Amino acid sequence: MRTGNEPLQARSPLKIRCGLAFWGLLWAIAGAVAFILAGRPEWAAACAAVALLAATDLVVVIWHIHQGPHYQPGKDIPPYEPDRGRNEAFGRWNTRGRKRDTRP
């Protein structure tokens, strides 16, 4: 959740996460191939499992990037208003000592 107090240059780290997932996928595949060639099937299976995790993460990150500004705000998206203890959906205060508004 954006609180509204981050700097104007703050951006989502999805592109960096995408690059790191791709880099991890490449190294995990290379490790699996190297361990297969070295005759170590246990380590090859471990590298294949890491490659599967990296590939899954890469798919999720690309999906979030394609979702657009909702997941990766651009410079034209203003910061959200900070949460001040008010639940706007139900019209009730969440702080102690105040009577809750029960109107729909």
C-alpha atoms as a PDB file:
ATOM      1  CA  MET A   1       0.000   0.000   0.000  1.00  0.00           C
ATOM      2  CA  ARG A   2       1.326   3.406  -0.911  1.00  0.00           C
ATOM      3  CA  THR A   3       1.112   5.805   1.998  1.00  0.00           C
ATOM      4  CA  GLY A   4       1.451   9.047   0.076  1.00  0.00           C
ATOM      5  CA  ASN A   5       4.762  10.081   1.627  1.00  0.00           C
ATOM      6  CA  GLU A   6       7.245   8.393  -0.699  1.00  0.00           C
ATOM      7  CA  PRO A   7       9.414  10.531  -2.974  1.00  0.00           C
ATOM      8  CA  LEU A   8       8.168  11.561  -6.380  1.00  0.00           C
ATOM      9  CA  GLN A   9      10.770   9.318  -8.045  1.00  0.00           C
ATOM     10  CA  ALA A  10       9.591   6.131  -6.257  1.00  0.00           C
ATOM     11  CA  ARG A  11       8.704   3.395  -8.717  1.00  0.00           C
ATOM     12  CA  SER A  12       7.752  -0.248  -8.526  1.00  0.00           C
ATOM     13  CA  PRO A  13      10.718  -2.687  -8.561  1.00  0.00           C
ATOM     14  CA  LEU A  14       9.007  -5.064 -11.019  1.00  0.00           C
ATOM     15  CA  LYS A  15      11.546  -4.548 -13.805  1.00  0.00           C
ATOM     16  CA  ILE A  16      14.437  -5.294 -11.469  1.00  0.00           C
ATOM     17  CA  ARG A  17      12.610  -8.347 -10.118  1.00  0.00           C
ATOM     18  CA  CYS A  18      11.987  -9.484 -13.694  1.00  0.00           C
ATOM     19  CA  GLY A  19      15.688  -9.204 -14.518  1.00  0.00           C
ATOM     20  CA  LEU A  20      16.719 -11.048 -11.377  1.00  0.00           C
ATOM     21  CA  ALA A  21      14.208 -13.847 -12.015  1.00  0.00           C
ATOM     22  CA  PHE A  22      15.509 -14.220 -15.572  1.00  0.00           C
ATOM     23  CA  TRP A  23      19.126 -14.233 -14.351  1.00  0.00           C
ATOM     24  CA  GLY A  24      18.275 -16.884 -11.742  1.00  0.00           C
ATOM     25  CA  LEU A  25      16.472 -18.963 -14.356  1.00  0.00           C
ATOM     26  CA  LEU A  26      19.524 -18.916 -16.626  1.00  0.00           C
ATOM     27  CA  TRP A  27      21.892 -19.934 -13.821  1.00  0.00           C
ATOM     28  CA  ALA A  28      19.569 -22.659 -12.540  1.00  0.00           C
ATOM     29  CA  ILE A  29      19.252 -24.180 -16.022  1.00  0.00           C
ATOM     30  CA  ALA A  30      23.015 -23.979 -16.502  1.00  0.00           C
ATOM     31  CA  GLY A  31      23.536 -25.632 -13.111  1.00  0.00           C
ATOM     32  CA  ALA A  32      21.087 -28.419 -13.919  1.00  0.00           C
ATOM     33  CA  VAL A  33      22.835 -29.118 -17.233  1.00  0.00           C
ATOM     34  CA  ALA A  34      26.279 -29.018 -15.606  1.00  0.00           C
ATOM     35  CA  PHE A  35      25.247 -31.422 -12.829  1.00  0.00           C
ATOM     36  CA  ILE A  36      23.651 -33.808 -15.337  1.00  0.00           C
ATOM     37  CA  LEU A  37      26.901 -33.846 -17.316  1.00  0.00           C
ATOM     38  CA  ALA A  38      28.871 -34.387 -14.093  1.00  0.00           C
ATOM     39  CA  GLY A  39      26.690 -37.355 -13.131  1.00  0.00           C
ATOM     40  CA  ARG A  40      25.099 -35.744 -10.043  1.00  0.00           C
ATOM     41  CA  PRO A  41      21.324 -36.239 -10.535  1.00  0.00           C
ATOM     42  CA  GLU A  42      20.406 -35.057  -7.006  1.00  0.00           C
ATOM     43  CA  TRP A  43      22.008 -31.658  -7.539  1.00  0.00           C
ATOM     44  CA  ALA A  44      20.548 -31.489 -11.043  1.00  0.00           C
ATOM     45  CA  ALA A  45      17.077 -32.052  -9.572  1.00  0.00           C
ATOM     46  CA  ALA A  46      17.684 -29.287  -7.009  1.00  0.00           C
ATOM     47  CA  CYS A  47      18.735 -26.884  -9.766  1.00  0.00           C
ATOM     48  CA  ALA A  48      15.708 -27.893 -11.826  1.00  0.00           C
ATOM     49  CA  ALA A  49      13.449 -27.097  -8.839  1.00  0.00           C
ATOM     50  CA  VAL A  50      15.077 -23.662  -8.497  1.00  0.00           C
ATOM     51  CA  ALA A  51      14.608 -23.137 -12.248  1.00  0.00           C
ATOM     52  CA  LEU A  52      10.923 -23.978 -11.891  1.00  0.00           C
ATOM     53  CA  LEU A  53      10.552 -21.438  -9.059  1.00  0.00           C
ATOM     54  CA  ALA A  54      12.375 -18.775 -11.065  1.00  0.00           C
ATOM     55  CA  ALA A  55      10.224 -19.454 -14.127  1.00  0.00           C
ATOM     56  CA  THR A  56       7.050 -19.181 -12.041  1.00  0.00           C
ATOM     57  CA  ASP A  57       8.245 -15.899 -10.539  1.00  0.00           C
ATOM     58  CA  LEU A  58       9.104 -14.605 -14.000  1.00  0.00           C
ATOM     59  CA  VAL A  59       5.602 -15.409 -15.282  1.00  0.00           C
ATOM     60  CA  VAL A  60       3.982 -13.676 -12.286  1.00  0.00           C
ATOM     61  CA  VAL A  61       6.167 -10.578 -12.643  1.00  0.00           C
ATOM     62  CA  ILE A  62       5.480 -10.283 -16.372  1.00  0.00           C
ATOM     63  CA  TRP A  63       1.762 -10.684 -15.669  1.00  0.00           C
ATOM     64  CA  HIS A  64       1.905  -7.859 -13.098  1.00  0.00           C
ATOM     65  CA  ILE A  65       3.834  -5.631 -15.511  1.00  0.00           C
ATOM     66  CA  HIS A  66       1.163  -6.200 -18.162  1.00  0.00           C
ATOM     67  CA  GLN A  67      -1.523  -5.199 -15.653  1.00  0.00           C
ATOM     68  CA  GLY A  68      -0.368  -1.625 -16.108  1.00  0.00           C
ATOM     69  CA  PRO A  69      -0.360   1.318 -13.688  1.00  0.00           C
ATOM     70  CA  HIS A  70      -2.420  -0.494 -11.080  1.00  0.00           C
ATOM     71  CA  TYR A  71       0.606  -2.606 -10.181  1.00  0.00           C
ATOM     72  CA  GLN A  72       3.339  -0.345 -11.540  1.00  0.00           C
ATOM     73  CA  PRO A  73       2.430   3.303 -11.053  1.00  0.00           C
ATOM     74  CA  GLY A  74       3.899   5.798 -13.469  1.00  0.00           C
ATOM     75  CA  LYS A  75       4.735   9.442 -13.010  1.00  0.00           C
ATOM     76  CA  ASP A  76       1.157  10.447 -13.865  1.00  0.00           C
ATOM     77  CA  ILE A  77      -0.343   8.372 -11.002  1.00  0.00           C
ATOM     78  CA  PRO A  78      -0.532  10.468  -7.813  1.00  0.00           C
ATOM     79  CA  PRO A  79       0.182   8.872  -4.431  1.00  0.00           C
ATOM     80  CA  TYR A  80      -2.767   7.473  -2.517  1.00  0.00           C
ATOM     81  CA  GLU A  81      -4.179   9.358   0.439  1.00  0.00           C
ATOM     82  CA  PRO A  82      -2.676   8.022   3.697  1.00  0.00           C
ATOM     83  CA  ASP A  83      -4.850   5.822   5.889  1.00  0.00           C
ATOM     84  CA  ARG A  84      -5.861   7.895   8.911  1.00  0.00           C
ATOM     85  CA  GLY A  85      -7.821   5.200  10.731  1.00  0.00           C
ATOM     86  CA  ARG A  86     -11.060   5.763   8.816  1.00  0.00           C
ATOM     87  CA  ASN A  87     -12.756   2.906   7.034  1.00  0.00           C
ATOM     88  CA  GLU A  88     -14.471   4.697   4.158  1.00  0.00           C
ATOM     89  CA  ALA A  89     -16.189   1.572   2.862  1.00  0.00           C
ATOM     90  CA  PHE A  90     -18.217   1.188   6.053  1.00  0.00           C
ATOM     91  CA  GLY A  91     -18.203   4.797   7.270  1.00  0.00           C
ATOM     92  CA  ARG A  92     -16.779   3.914  10.685  1.00  0.00           C
ATOM     93  CA  TRP A  93     -13.916   5.277  12.754  1.00  0.00           C
ATOM     94  CA  ASN A  94     -11.358   2.743  13.899  1.00  0.00           C
ATOM     95  CA  THR A  95      -9.900   4.764  16.761  1.00  0.00           C
ATOM     96  CA  ARG A  96     -10.773   4.111  20.382  1.00  0.00           C
ATOM     97  CA  GLY A  97     -12.898   6.470  22.396  1.00  0.00           C
ATOM     98  CA  ARG A  98     -15.114   7.466  19.491  1.00  0.00           C
ATOM     99  CA  LYS A  99     -18.547   6.163  18.813  1.00  0.00           C
ATOM    100  CA  ARG A 100     -18.797   4.180  15.627  1.00  0.00           C
ATOM    101  CA  ASP A 101     -21.062   5.455  12.915  1.00  0.00           C
ATOM    102  CA  THR A 102     -23.413   2.590  12.018  1.00  0.00           C
ATOM    103  CA  ARG A 103     -25.064   4.265   9.046  1.00  0.00           C
ATOM    104  CA  PRO A 104     -24.855   2.206   5.833  1.00  0.00           C
END
